[in-house]
Amino acid sequence: MIAYGEVILAFTIPATSDSASLTVPASVLDTVAGNDTDSIQLHPKSQRSVRVRWTEGGLPREQTFDLLPEPKHTPRALPDEWTPVP
């Protein structure tokens, strides 16, 4: 989950190993934003931080971010059906 003030963005993907829920600051998106289409990897470093790895300009990058506390509310369940928006 990405938190920015009172707004939370939840991004869910199939996990290839043990699943985890991480809440990171929105600044992570600013840091990894770019033109590369390579994957962004989140590796829990401790209970309070996460190591983020990505590629920028063909060069590997890595930075550690502090995790945020888990949100106090539960995000809504995703809908069963999606409707395209024109």
Protein backbone atom coordinates (compact mmCIF):
# COMPACT_ATOMS: atom_id res chain seq x y z
CA MET A 1 0.00 0.00 0.00
CA ILE A 2 1.10 3.54 -0.72
CA ALA A 3 0.02 6.19 1.77
CA TYR A 4 -0.24 9.92 1.11
CA GLY A 5 -1.93 11.79 3.90
CA GLU A 6 -5.33 10.17 4.32
CA VAL A 7 -5.25 8.56 0.85
CA ILE A 8 -4.10 4.96 0.48
CA LEU A 9 -3.35 3.26 -2.83
CA ALA A 10 -3.46 -0.52 -2.65
CA PHE A 11 -1.63 -2.46 -5.33
CA THR A 12 -2.00 -6.22 -5.34
CA ILE A 13 -0.11 -8.70 -7.51
CA PRO A 14 0.36 -12.46 -7.37
CA ALA A 15 3.32 -13.27 -5.15
CA THR A 16 6.05 -15.69 -6.20
CA SER A 17 6.96 -16.44 -2.60
CA ASP A 18 5.62 -15.62 0.85
CA SER A 19 3.11 -12.75 0.70
CA ALA A 20 3.32 -9.66 2.84
CA SER A 21 1.53 -6.37 3.20
CA LEU A 22 3.74 -3.29 3.25
CA THR A 23 2.70 0.33 3.70
CA VAL A 24 5.24 2.70 2.18
CA PRO A 25 5.22 6.49 1.76
CA ALA A 26 4.15 7.99 -1.57
CA SER A 27 7.72 9.25 -2.00
CA VAL A 28 8.63 5.70 -3.09
CA LEU A 29 6.65 6.30 -6.30
CA ASP A 30 8.49 9.58 -6.91
CA THR A 31 11.84 7.87 -6.42
CA VAL A 32 11.26 4.94 -8.77
CA ALA A 33 9.31 6.85 -11.43
CA GLY A 34 10.99 6.76 -14.81
CA ASN A 35 10.87 5.51 -18.34
CA ASP A 36 12.24 2.01 -17.73
CA THR A 37 9.78 -0.85 -17.92
CA ASP A 38 11.78 -3.15 -15.65
CA SER A 39 10.25 -4.43 -12.44
CA ILE A 40 10.42 -2.73 -9.09
CA GLN A 41 11.26 -5.06 -6.23
CA LEU A 42 10.30 -4.51 -2.58
CA HIS A 43 12.31 -6.50 -0.05
CA PRO A 44 11.38 -6.17 3.63
CA LYS A 45 14.61 -5.33 5.44
CA SER A 46 13.16 -5.27 8.93
CA GLN A 47 9.80 -4.67 10.57
CA ARG A 48 10.37 -0.94 10.05
CA SER A 49 12.02 -0.64 6.64
CA VAL A 50 11.93 -1.96 3.09
CA ARG A 51 14.69 -2.12 0.46
CA VAL A 52 13.47 -1.01 -2.98
CA ARG A 53 15.36 -2.12 -6.11
CA TRP A 54 14.75 -0.87 -9.66
CA THR A 55 16.58 0.04 -12.87
CA GLU A 56 17.05 3.62 -14.03
CA GLY A 57 18.79 4.42 -17.31
CA GLY A 58 19.98 0.82 -17.52
CA LEU A 59 21.71 1.05 -14.12
CA PRO A 60 20.56 -0.87 -11.05
CA ARG A 61 19.36 1.35 -8.19
CA GLU A 62 18.59 0.56 -4.57
CA GLN A 63 17.26 2.61 -1.67
CA THR A 64 15.86 1.84 1.77
CA PHE A 65 12.62 3.45 2.96
CA ASP A 66 10.93 3.49 6.36
CA LEU A 67 7.63 1.63 6.45
CA LEU A 68 4.51 3.41 7.65
CA PRO A 69 2.18 1.96 10.27
CA GLU A 70 -0.56 -0.26 8.87
CA PRO A 71 -3.73 1.74 8.11
CA LYS A 72 -6.29 1.66 10.89
CA HIS A 73 -9.11 0.84 8.49
CA THR A 74 -9.53 -2.07 6.14
CA PRO A 75 -9.61 -1.14 2.44
CA ARG A 76 -12.80 -2.06 0.60
CA ALA A 77 -12.91 -5.37 -1.22
CA LEU A 78 -12.32 -5.21 -4.97
CA PRO A 79 -15.43 -5.54 -7.14
CA ASP A 80 -16.23 -8.85 -8.84
CA GLU A 81 -16.88 -7.09 -12.15
CA TRP A 82 -15.11 -4.11 -13.74
CA THR A 83 -16.73 -1.68 -16.17
CA PRO A 84 -14.60 0.07 -18.81
CA VAL A 85 -14.65 3.84 -18.67
CA PRO A 86 -14.71 5.59 -22.06
